[in-house]
Amino acid sequence: MSRLAPHRLTARQVAAHKDGDLADGGNLWLVARGNSRIWTIRYTSPTNSKRREMSLGSAYDIGLAEARTLATDARRLVNQRIDPLEQRRTEDSARKQEAGLSFRAVADRYIESQTPGWRDPRAASIWSASLEQNVYGFFGDKPVAMVDTSDVESVLKPIWTEKTETATRIRGRIERILDYARAQGWRSGENPARWRGHLSAILAPPSKVAKVEHHAAIDRKDIARVMAALATSGGIAAKSVRFACLTAARSGEVRSATWGEIDLGAKVWTVPAHRMKTGKEHRVPLSDGAVAILQEVRPLRDERHGDLVFPGQRAGKPLSDVALSKALHIAAGTKDVTVHGLRSTFRDWAAEETDYPREVAEMALAHAISNKVEAAYRRGDLFEKRREMMGAWAESMTRQK
């Protein structure tokens, strides 16, 4: 073995070196033994003062410039009193543990990473509950790298026909989690939960087997009676249901409404983009009836309830879906109706009892425009036309059918 004086090597010297230890300086060495040519870094361990030699990789794969960069990184660790070899062993151990991560563990990591970007604050708990109820019992503890098509089928086949919408959501969640695992390097190959070109050949199309269930709606001829019953109850939940009906808004948009979004003078409620299903800000014209409800709940605006327009019983928390549903069921005299169904009641009224154009009603409902051409040309929000329509809708509530 020849030990040469430390100096900066040239690429030609590296290529010509056949046997022995060749120094590049800075404790970087090229070690050649027969057909083997390895870059190594030699140093004194800052943790136990022992002399160490750590391989940086084969010279057939790593060029001189990259070897110098790796050596610099190793020296930096030593200067920070970290042993590069011990650091590598720790990282290798962590990688081996992650390679055996269960589907459940990866799902938890995926949910945690995505939660900041989800508009619905309940999304994380909904995902976790859905996976716990429908997936983990089948392969939650199986290494994510080993999850295959038969695992996904075992979850989906029993519910694909009877609970198609639920099964479709679960399939999508599994697919996203497995895509995440692949991106992290914890599994490889095709995603066994993908639909196109894979599960589409195994399961019937959702549209062919799904039993479409519409949100139960109050008949437009009965809505005035139900609104009158809500008005007599006086509870905060009943008031929020009345407000939802008069604005044709979604339950979540109403329950999370804040006074900062309300302009009583202009009679406008501006729902911010992050709380809209479409992801776009939505201006809602407030009829006199809607403004009257806001005046009724205005005294509740205090330090305990915060800025919420319709606060729940717990300080700083909005009303629950259950509270609104209960108030509506009592007023309607049946449980076979939903708060979301009030939007359908409004849509039926607009179509059957008025001459307002379809796009005005759709804009009032803040529906996404599926037709890209129509979406490109519809630049305004038809606000004044919607104000007129919502006024007529409120007025219809005062007439018993």
Protein backbone atom coordinates (compact mmCIF):
# COMPACT_ATOMS: atom_id res chain seq x y z
CA MET A 1 0.00 0.00 0.00
CA SER A 2 1.44 3.31 -1.01
CA ARG A 3 0.73 6.41 1.06
CA LEU A 4 1.22 9.54 -0.95
CA ALA A 5 1.58 13.03 0.46
CA PRO A 6 -1.76 14.86 0.73
CA HIS A 7 -2.49 16.90 -2.38
CA ARG A 8 -5.39 17.80 -4.63
CA LEU A 9 -6.00 15.04 -7.13
CA THR A 10 -6.89 15.48 -10.76
CA ALA A 11 -9.54 13.48 -12.59
CA ARG A 12 -6.76 11.89 -14.67
CA GLN A 13 -4.94 10.70 -11.57
CA VAL A 14 -8.16 9.17 -10.21
CA ALA A 15 -8.82 7.37 -13.48
CA ALA A 16 -5.24 6.06 -13.68
CA HIS A 17 -4.98 4.90 -10.06
CA LYS A 18 -4.75 1.10 -9.84
CA ASP A 19 -3.80 0.06 -6.30
CA GLY A 20 -3.14 1.56 -2.86
CA ASP A 21 -4.41 4.61 -0.96
CA LEU A 22 -4.39 7.93 -2.74
CA ALA A 23 -4.97 11.12 -0.72
CA ASP A 24 -6.85 14.15 -2.01
CA GLY A 25 -6.39 16.27 1.10
CA GLY A 26 -8.87 17.10 3.80
CA ASN A 27 -8.81 13.42 4.89
CA LEU A 28 -10.43 12.28 1.63
CA TRP A 29 -8.87 9.09 0.27
CA LEU A 30 -9.26 6.92 -2.80
CA VAL A 31 -8.69 3.30 -1.72
CA ALA A 32 -8.02 0.78 -4.51
CA ARG A 33 -7.89 -2.99 -3.91
CA GLY A 34 -7.98 -5.16 -7.00
CA ASN A 35 -11.13 -4.18 -8.90
CA SER A 36 -12.52 -2.21 -5.95
CA ARG A 37 -12.10 1.58 -5.82
CA ILE A 38 -13.72 3.29 -2.82
CA TRP A 39 -13.80 6.89 -1.61
CA THR A 40 -13.33 7.14 2.16
CA ILE A 41 -13.09 9.89 4.77
CA ARG A 42 -10.74 9.44 7.72
CA TYR A 43 -11.32 11.35 10.94
CA THR A 44 -11.13 11.23 14.72
CA SER A 45 -14.51 10.60 16.31
CA PRO A 46 -15.59 13.61 18.40
CA THR A 47 -17.57 11.28 20.71
CA ASN A 48 -14.82 8.81 21.75
CA SER A 49 -11.59 10.13 20.13
CA LYS A 50 -11.13 6.92 18.12
CA ARG A 51 -9.77 6.94 14.59
CA ARG A 52 -12.53 6.21 12.08
CA GLU A 53 -12.75 5.53 8.36
CA MET A 54 -16.11 5.83 6.59
CA SER A 55 -16.89 4.81 3.03
CA LEU A 56 -18.39 7.51 0.82
CA GLY A 57 -19.18 5.17 -2.07
CA SER A 58 -17.63 3.58 -5.13
CA ALA A 59 -15.43 5.71 -7.35
CA TYR A 60 -17.14 4.04 -10.31
CA ASP A 61 -20.38 5.75 -9.27
CA ILE A 62 -19.13 8.90 -7.53
CA GLY A 63 -16.89 11.40 -9.28
CA LEU A 64 -14.12 13.43 -7.70
CA ALA A 65 -16.24 16.58 -7.25
CA GLU A 66 -19.08 14.71 -5.52
CA ALA A 67 -16.61 12.85 -3.30
CA ARG A 68 -15.14 16.19 -2.16
CA THR A 69 -18.66 17.47 -1.37
CA LEU A 70 -19.40 14.37 0.71
CA ALA A 71 -16.10 14.74 2.54
CA THR A 72 -16.89 18.39 3.28
CA ASP A 73 -20.26 17.36 4.72
CA ALA A 74 -18.57 14.77 6.93
CA ARG A 75 -16.00 17.27 8.20
CA ARG A 76 -18.79 19.72 8.99
CA LEU A 77 -20.46 17.08 11.19
CA VAL A 78 -17.20 16.42 13.01
CA ASN A 79 -16.84 20.16 13.66
CA GLN A 80 -20.33 20.04 15.17
CA ARG A 81 -19.16 17.19 17.43
CA ILE A 82 -21.25 14.63 15.55
CA ASP A 83 -19.72 11.34 14.46
CA PRO A 84 -20.59 10.93 10.72
CA LEU A 85 -20.54 7.13 10.96
CA GLU A 86 -22.89 7.09 13.95
CA GLN A 87 -25.13 9.59 12.18
CA ARG A 88 -25.32 7.32 9.13
CA ARG A 89 -26.18 4.30 11.25
CA THR A 90 -28.98 6.24 12.94
CA GLU A 91 -30.39 7.34 9.59
CA ASP A 92 -30.14 3.81 8.15
CA SER A 93 -31.99 2.46 11.16
CA ALA A 94 -34.74 5.05 10.72
CA ARG A 95 -35.08 4.18 7.04
CA LYS A 96 -35.40 0.48 7.84
CA GLN A 97 -38.12 1.23 10.37
CA GLU A 98 -39.98 3.43 7.88
CA ALA A 99 -39.72 0.75 5.22
CA GLY A 100 -41.87 -1.43 7.48
CA LEU A 101 -44.43 1.27 8.31
CA SER A 102 -47.99 -0.03 8.52
CA PHE A 103 -50.78 1.35 6.36
CA ARG A 104 -52.32 2.86 9.50
CA ALA A 105 -49.09 4.68 10.41
CA VAL A 106 -48.72 6.07 6.89
CA ALA A 107 -52.37 7.14 6.86
CA ASP A 108 -51.82 9.07 10.10
CA ARG A 109 -48.82 10.83 8.57
CA TYR A 110 -50.74 11.64 5.40
CA ILE A 111 -53.67 13.12 7.32
CA GLU A 112 -51.32 15.20 9.47
CA SER A 113 -49.50 16.54 6.40
CA GLN A 114 -52.71 17.43 4.54
CA THR A 115 -54.77 18.88 7.39
CA PRO A 116 -53.42 22.47 7.05
CA GLY A 117 -54.69 22.57 3.46
CA TRP A 118 -58.19 21.21 4.10
CA ARG A 119 -60.89 23.90 4.30
CA ASP A 120 -63.20 21.83 6.49
CA PRO A 121 -61.80 21.71 10.05
CA ARG A 122 -63.58 18.37 10.51
CA ALA A 123 -61.85 16.73 7.54
CA ALA A 124 -59.04 15.12 9.54
CA SER A 125 -61.42 13.51 12.03
CA ILE A 126 -63.72 12.41 9.19
CA TRP A 127 -60.82 10.72 7.38
CA SER A 128 -59.58 9.02 10.55
CA ALA A 129 -63.04 7.75 11.50
CA SER A 130 -63.73 6.51 7.98
CA LEU A 131 -60.47 4.57 7.79
CA GLU A 132 -60.92 3.18 11.31
CA GLN A 133 -64.41 1.97 10.52
CA ASN A 134 -63.88 0.64 7.01
CA VAL A 135 -60.19 -0.10 6.32
CA TYR A 136 -57.98 -0.75 9.32
CA GLY A 137 -59.77 -3.96 10.23
CA PHE A 138 -58.71 -5.41 6.87
CA PHE A 139 -55.11 -4.23 6.44
CA GLY A 140 -54.42 -1.37 8.84
CA ASP A 141 -51.47 -3.17 10.44
CA LYS A 142 -50.08 -4.56 7.19
CA PRO A 143 -46.82 -2.97 5.95
CA VAL A 144 -47.81 -0.27 3.48
CA ALA A 145 -45.30 -1.70 0.98
CA MET A 146 -47.24 -4.98 0.95
CA VAL A 147 -50.78 -3.64 0.41
CA ASP A 148 -52.08 -5.11 -2.86
CA THR A 149 -55.20 -5.32 -5.00
CA SER A 150 -56.72 -8.18 -2.99
CA ASP A 151 -56.51 -6.02 0.15
CA VAL A 152 -58.31 -3.14 -1.53
CA GLU A 153 -60.93 -5.52 -2.94
CA SER A 154 -61.56 -6.99 0.51
CA VAL A 155 -62.59 -3.51 1.68
CA LEU A 156 -64.60 -2.39 -1.33
CA LYS A 157 -66.46 -5.45 -2.64
CA PRO A 158 -68.76 -5.96 0.39
CA ILE A 159 -70.05 -2.37 0.21
CA TRP A 160 -69.63 -1.44 -3.45
CA THR A 161 -73.26 -2.09 -4.40
CA GLU A 162 -75.12 -1.17 -1.21
CA LYS A 163 -72.99 1.79 -0.13
CA THR A 164 -71.49 2.92 -3.42
CA GLU A 165 -70.89 6.55 -2.47
CA THR A 166 -69.13 5.55 0.76
CA ALA A 167 -67.09 2.90 -1.04
CA THR A 168 -66.04 5.40 -3.71
CA ARG A 169 -64.82 7.84 -1.07
CA ILE A 170 -62.89 5.09 0.72
CA ARG A 171 -61.24 3.96 -2.52
CA GLY A 172 -60.09 7.52 -3.18
CA ARG A 173 -58.67 7.84 0.33
CA ILE A 174 -56.76 4.59 0.06
CA GLU A 175 -55.39 5.67 -3.33
CA ARG A 176 -54.14 8.99 -1.97
CA ILE A 177 -52.47 7.38 1.03
CA LEU A 178 -50.70 4.81 -1.16
CA ASP A 179 -49.59 7.56 -3.56
CA TYR A 180 -48.17 9.41 -0.56
CA ALA A 181 -46.33 6.28 0.58
CA ARG A 182 -44.81 5.85 -2.87
CA ALA A 183 -43.73 9.51 -2.99
CA GLN A 184 -42.01 9.02 0.37
CA GLY A 185 -40.19 5.92 -0.88
CA TRP A 186 -42.07 3.50 1.41
CA ARG A 187 -43.54 1.45 -1.43
CA SER A 188 -43.05 1.01 -5.17
CA GLY A 189 -45.03 -0.08 -8.19
CA GLU A 190 -48.52 0.79 -9.36
CA ASN A 191 -51.21 1.91 -6.97
CA PRO A 192 -53.63 -1.01 -6.35
CA ALA A 193 -56.44 1.42 -5.43
CA ARG A 194 -56.36 3.34 -8.72
CA TRP A 195 -59.61 3.22 -10.69
CA ARG A 196 -58.76 3.83 -14.34
CA GLY A 197 -57.14 0.84 -15.98
CA HIS A 198 -57.25 -1.25 -12.82
CA LEU A 199 -60.22 -1.43 -10.43
CA SER A 200 -62.47 -0.29 -13.30
CA ALA A 201 -61.88 -3.76 -14.76
CA ILE A 202 -62.87 -5.45 -11.49
CA LEU A 203 -65.75 -3.40 -10.07
CA ALA A 204 -68.89 -2.10 -11.77
CA PRO A 205 -68.91 1.66 -12.51
CA PRO A 206 -70.31 3.59 -9.51
CA SER A 207 -72.84 5.35 -11.74
CA LYS A 208 -74.32 1.97 -12.71
CA VAL A 209 -74.81 0.63 -9.20
CA ALA A 210 -75.20 3.71 -7.01
CA LYS A 211 -78.56 4.37 -5.47
CA VAL A 212 -78.87 8.14 -5.74
CA GLU A 213 -80.27 9.61 -2.53
CA HIS A 214 -81.25 13.26 -2.64
CA HIS A 215 -81.36 15.39 0.47
CA ALA A 216 -84.92 15.21 1.78
CA ALA A 217 -86.52 18.57 1.09
CA ILE A 218 -89.63 20.32 2.39
CA ASP A 219 -92.25 20.81 -0.28
CA ARG A 220 -92.21 24.42 -1.44
CA LYS A 221 -95.94 24.63 -0.58
CA ASP A 222 -95.15 23.80 3.06
CA ILE A 223 -92.11 26.01 3.58
CA ALA A 224 -94.11 29.03 4.85
CA ARG A 225 -95.71 26.89 7.56
CA VAL A 226 -92.35 25.46 8.64
CA MET A 227 -90.74 28.90 8.73
CA ALA A 228 -93.59 30.19 10.89
CA ALA A 229 -93.09 27.29 13.30
CA LEU A 230 -89.37 28.03 13.47
CA ALA A 231 -90.11 31.69 14.23
CA THR A 232 -92.23 30.76 17.23
CA SER A 233 -89.61 28.48 18.79
CA GLY A 234 -87.22 31.36 19.46
CA GLY A 235 -84.09 29.20 19.86
CA ILE A 236 -80.76 30.13 18.30
CA ALA A 237 -80.77 26.93 16.24
CA ALA A 238 -84.21 27.75 14.84
CA LYS A 239 -83.03 31.25 13.92
CA SER A 240 -80.02 29.84 12.08
CA VAL A 241 -82.26 27.44 10.13
CA ARG A 242 -84.49 30.37 9.12
CA PHE A 243 -81.39 32.34 8.06
CA ALA A 244 -80.11 29.37 6.04
CA CYS A 245 -83.46 29.10 4.30
CA LEU A 246 -83.70 32.83 3.50
CA THR A 247 -80.14 32.94 2.11
CA ALA A 248 -80.16 29.50 0.40
CA ALA A 249 -76.79 28.92 2.07
CA ARG A 250 -75.23 25.67 3.20
CA SER A 251 -75.46 24.70 6.86
CA GLY A 252 -71.70 24.96 7.43
CA GLU A 253 -71.56 28.42 5.89
CA VAL A 254 -74.31 29.65 8.22
CA ARG A 255 -73.00 27.98 11.37
CA SER A 256 -69.52 29.44 10.90
CA ALA A 257 -70.70 32.92 9.85
CA THR A 258 -69.05 35.81 11.71
CA TRP A 259 -70.13 39.39 12.23
CA GLY A 260 -67.03 40.52 10.37
CA GLU A 261 -68.57 39.03 7.22
CA ILE A 262 -71.86 40.93 7.65
CA ASP A 263 -72.51 44.44 6.37
CA LEU A 264 -75.92 45.32 7.77
CA GLY A 265 -75.91 48.75 6.18
CA ALA A 266 -75.41 47.36 2.68
CA LYS A 267 -77.42 44.22 3.51
CA VAL A 268 -74.62 41.94 2.27
CA TRP A 269 -73.05 38.81 3.74
CA THR A 270 -69.65 38.04 2.20
CA VAL A 271 -68.59 34.44 2.76
CA PRO A 272 -64.79 34.10 2.40
CA ALA A 273 -63.34 31.72 -0.17
CA HIS A 274 -61.88 29.28 2.37
CA ARG A 275 -65.35 28.51 3.71
CA MET A 276 -67.01 28.00 0.35
CA LYS A 277 -67.29 24.61 -1.33
CA THR A 278 -66.23 26.21 -4.62
CA GLY A 279 -63.21 27.86 -3.01
CA LYS A 280 -64.39 31.29 -4.21
CA GLU A 281 -65.70 34.26 -2.22
CA HIS A 282 -69.49 34.48 -2.34
CA ARG A 283 -71.61 37.60 -1.78
CA VAL A 284 -75.08 36.94 -0.42
CA PRO A 285 -77.77 39.65 -0.67
CA LEU A 286 -79.71 39.87 2.59
CA SER A 287 -83.47 40.30 2.40
CA ASP A 288 -85.33 42.25 5.06
CA GLY A 289 -86.29 38.93 6.65
CA ALA A 290 -82.67 37.82 6.87
CA VAL A 291 -81.62 41.18 8.33
CA ALA A 292 -84.40 40.90 10.93
CA ILE A 293 -82.97 37.57 12.11
CA LEU A 294 -79.50 39.13 12.42
CA GLN A 295 -80.99 41.90 14.54
CA GLU A 296 -82.55 39.25 16.78
CA VAL A 297 -79.22 37.50 17.44
CA ARG A 298 -77.11 40.66 17.58
CA PRO A 299 -77.37 40.91 21.42
CA LEU A 300 -75.51 37.58 21.65
CA ARG A 301 -72.37 39.22 20.29
CA ASP A 302 -70.21 39.41 23.41
CA GLU A 303 -66.85 38.28 24.77
CA ARG A 304 -68.08 34.78 25.59
CA HIS A 305 -69.56 34.04 22.17
CA GLY A 306 -66.92 35.88 20.18
CA ASP A 307 -67.63 36.98 16.63
CA LEU A 308 -69.91 34.07 15.70
CA VAL A 309 -73.33 35.12 14.44
CA PHE A 310 -74.96 31.87 15.60
CA PRO A 311 -72.89 30.69 18.60
CA GLY A 312 -73.31 27.28 20.16
CA GLN A 313 -73.60 26.47 23.85
CA ARG A 314 -69.85 26.09 24.27
CA ALA A 315 -67.99 29.39 24.40
CA GLY A 316 -66.47 30.34 21.05
CA LYS A 317 -67.92 27.28 19.28
CA PRO A 318 -70.54 27.35 16.50
CA LEU A 319 -73.81 25.44 16.53
CA SER A 320 -73.69 21.81 15.49
CA ASP A 321 -75.38 20.21 12.50
CA VAL A 322 -77.41 18.15 14.94
CA ALA A 323 -78.81 21.27 16.62
CA LEU A 324 -80.04 22.69 13.31
CA SER A 325 -81.49 19.37 12.21
CA LYS A 326 -83.35 18.95 15.50
CA ALA A 327 -84.89 22.44 15.23
CA LEU A 328 -86.02 21.76 11.66
CA HIS A 329 -87.48 18.34 12.53
CA ILE A 330 -89.53 19.83 15.35
CA ALA A 331 -90.85 22.64 13.15
CA ALA A 332 -91.60 20.33 10.21
CA GLY A 333 -93.12 17.62 12.39
CA THR A 334 -90.97 14.94 10.74
CA LYS A 335 -87.38 13.68 10.66
CA ASP A 336 -87.60 12.97 6.95
CA VAL A 337 -86.22 16.39 5.98
CA THR A 338 -82.74 17.92 6.08
CA VAL A 339 -81.35 21.43 6.45
CA HIS A 340 -79.46 20.98 3.18
CA GLY A 341 -82.78 20.10 1.57
CA LEU A 342 -83.91 23.70 2.11
CA ARG A 343 -81.66 24.61 -0.82
CA SER A 344 -83.66 22.19 -2.99
CA THR A 345 -86.88 23.77 -1.75
CA PHE A 346 -85.57 27.17 -2.84
CA ARG A 347 -84.48 25.77 -6.21
CA ASP A 348 -87.91 24.22 -6.80
CA TRP A 349 -89.61 27.50 -5.89
CA ALA A 350 -87.41 29.48 -8.27
CA ALA A 351 -88.06 27.06 -11.12
CA GLU A 352 -91.77 26.43 -10.58
CA GLU A 353 -93.10 29.73 -9.25
CA THR A 354 -90.90 32.45 -10.75
CA ASP A 355 -89.56 33.60 -14.09
CA TYR A 356 -86.01 34.15 -12.83
CA PRO A 357 -83.40 32.67 -15.21
CA ARG A 358 -81.77 29.42 -14.19
CA GLU A 359 -78.32 31.01 -13.85
CA VAL A 360 -79.61 33.49 -11.25
CA ALA A 361 -80.82 30.67 -9.00
CA GLU A 362 -77.63 28.68 -9.57
CA MET A 363 -75.55 31.72 -8.64
CA ALA A 364 -77.63 32.17 -5.48
CA LEU A 365 -76.84 28.56 -4.55
CA ALA A 366 -73.12 29.17 -5.25
CA HIS A 367 -72.99 26.10 -7.45
CA ALA A 368 -69.79 25.43 -9.36
CA ILE A 369 -70.18 25.83 -13.12
CA SER A 370 -69.31 22.52 -14.76
CA ASN A 371 -69.46 23.93 -18.29
CA LYS A 372 -66.05 25.55 -18.87
CA VAL A 373 -67.27 27.76 -21.69
CA GLU A 374 -70.18 29.06 -19.60
CA ALA A 375 -67.82 29.64 -16.66
CA ALA A 376 -65.43 31.63 -18.85
CA TYR A 377 -68.13 33.98 -20.11
CA ARG A 378 -70.00 34.47 -16.84
CA ARG A 379 -67.89 37.20 -15.28
CA GLY A 380 -70.41 38.90 -12.97
CA ASP A 381 -72.21 37.49 -9.98
CA LEU A 382 -75.69 38.75 -10.98
CA PHE A 383 -75.85 40.37 -7.55
CA GLU A 384 -78.71 42.83 -8.10
CA LYS A 385 -80.84 40.21 -9.83
CA ARG A 386 -80.15 37.86 -6.94
CA ARG A 387 -81.10 40.56 -4.43
CA GLU A 388 -84.48 40.94 -6.13
CA MET A 389 -84.98 37.16 -6.22
CA MET A 390 -84.06 36.63 -2.55
CA GLY A 391 -86.48 39.39 -1.59
CA ALA A 392 -89.26 37.57 -3.44
CA TRP A 393 -88.24 34.30 -1.78
CA ALA A 394 -88.47 35.92 1.67
CA GLU A 395 -91.83 37.41 0.84
CA SER A 396 -93.18 34.02 -0.21
CA MET A 397 -92.49 32.78 3.34
CA THR A 398 -95.15 35.10 4.71
CA ARG A 399 -97.87 33.60 2.54
CA GLN A 400 -99.43 30.38 3.81
CA LYS A 401 -100.06 27.86 1.08
